[in-house]
Protein backbone atom coordinates (compact mmCIF):
# COMPACT_ATOMS: atom_id res chain seq x y z
CA MET A 1 -17.48 -2.44 -1.66
CA LYS A 2 -15.39 -0.35 -4.00
CA TYR A 3 -14.15 -1.08 -7.53
CA VAL A 4 -10.58 -0.67 -8.72
CA MET A 5 -9.89 -0.13 -12.39
CA PHE A 6 -6.41 -0.82 -13.71
CA TYR A 7 -5.25 0.71 -16.98
CA GLU A 8 -2.31 -0.82 -18.85
CA MET A 9 -0.47 1.56 -21.14
CA ALA A 10 -0.55 0.64 -24.83
CA ALA A 11 2.86 0.01 -26.42
CA ASP A 12 2.68 3.42 -28.12
CA GLY A 13 0.46 5.00 -25.46
CA MET A 14 2.91 7.59 -24.19
CA SER A 15 3.14 9.13 -27.64
CA LYS A 16 -0.65 9.57 -27.66
CA ALA A 17 -1.17 10.64 -24.05
CA GLN A 18 -0.43 14.35 -24.31
CA ALA A 19 -3.06 15.02 -26.98
CA SER A 20 -5.77 13.20 -25.00
CA PHE A 21 -4.79 14.39 -21.52
CA PRO A 22 -6.97 17.55 -21.25
CA ALA A 23 -10.17 15.65 -22.10
CA HIS A 24 -9.12 12.70 -19.90
CA GLN A 25 -8.44 15.10 -16.99
CA ALA A 26 -11.82 16.78 -17.47
CA ARG A 27 -13.52 13.38 -17.33
CA LEU A 28 -11.64 12.49 -14.13
CA GLN A 29 -12.74 15.76 -12.54
CA ALA A 30 -16.38 15.29 -13.61
CA PHE A 31 -16.60 11.78 -12.12
CA HIS A 32 -14.87 12.99 -8.97
CA ARG A 33 -17.33 15.88 -8.58
CA MET A 34 -20.22 13.39 -8.98
CA GLY A 35 -18.74 11.40 -6.10
CA SER A 36 -18.28 8.17 -8.06
CA LEU A 37 -14.48 8.45 -8.51
CA LEU A 38 -12.59 8.52 -5.21
CA MET A 39 -8.98 8.59 -6.40
CA ALA A 40 -6.94 7.98 -9.53
CA GLY A 41 -3.42 8.26 -10.87
CA PRO A 42 -0.59 6.68 -12.84
CA TYR A 43 1.89 4.19 -11.44
CA GLY A 44 5.47 3.43 -12.42
CA MET A 45 8.31 5.71 -13.49
CA PRO A 46 7.85 6.20 -16.35
CA PRO A 47 4.16 5.34 -16.13
CA VAL A 48 3.21 1.81 -17.17
CA GLY A 49 -0.43 2.20 -16.23
CA ALA A 50 -2.90 3.85 -13.91
CA LEU A 51 -5.47 2.89 -11.34
CA ALA A 52 -8.70 4.43 -10.17
CA VAL A 53 -11.05 3.65 -7.29
CA PHE A 54 -14.77 3.95 -7.99
CA THR A 55 -17.84 3.62 -5.80
CA SER A 56 -19.55 1.19 -8.21
CA ARG A 57 -18.76 -1.12 -11.10
CA GLU A 58 -21.24 0.81 -13.23
CA ALA A 59 -19.33 4.06 -12.64
CA ALA A 60 -16.02 2.40 -13.58
CA GLU A 61 -17.51 0.90 -16.74
CA SER A 62 -19.13 4.21 -17.69
CA PHE A 63 -15.87 6.09 -17.17
CA ALA A 64 -13.84 3.71 -19.34
CA ALA A 65 -16.45 3.51 -22.10
CA ASP A 66 -15.88 7.11 -23.20
CA ASP A 67 -12.50 7.93 -21.66
CA PRO A 68 -10.29 9.61 -24.27
CA PHE A 69 -7.33 7.52 -23.08
CA VAL A 70 -9.26 4.33 -23.95
CA VAL A 71 -10.92 5.69 -27.10
CA ASN A 72 -7.66 7.11 -28.51
CA GLY A 73 -5.42 4.14 -27.76
CA VAL A 74 -3.38 5.45 -24.83
CA VAL A 75 -4.69 2.49 -22.83
CA GLY A 76 -4.07 -0.93 -24.31
CA ARG A 77 -6.17 -2.87 -21.82
CA TYR A 78 -8.17 -2.26 -18.67
CA THR A 79 -9.68 -4.43 -15.97
CA ILE A 80 -12.15 -3.74 -13.17
CA HIS A 81 -12.04 -5.63 -9.88
CA ALA A 82 -14.23 -5.59 -6.79
CA TRP A 83 -12.25 -4.40 -3.77
CA ARG A 84 -13.16 -4.78 -0.14
CA GLU A 85 -11.40 -1.95 1.65
CA VAL A 86 -10.54 -3.35 5.10
CA LEU A 87 -9.51 -0.08 6.76
CA ALA A 88 -12.68 1.83 5.87
CA PRO A 89 -14.77 2.97 8.83
């Protein structure tokens, strides 16, 4: 079982994103190095949100709790959903 986290951009999120991006990127890299974040990225053109795939709900919740994008209002709302990957070996 994996866990997918969806971020929804706040109405004024794009104006705040650049200032928070370096710290957000560092957090992504740290969780990826730990092995708990498998993939992540924005969706939409221009971006309307982002998604990330985690190995556990706890990792997803921990990431969001202190993510600069959440803390600084780039993200207006996020949700975490269990995901059963059917093509996994």
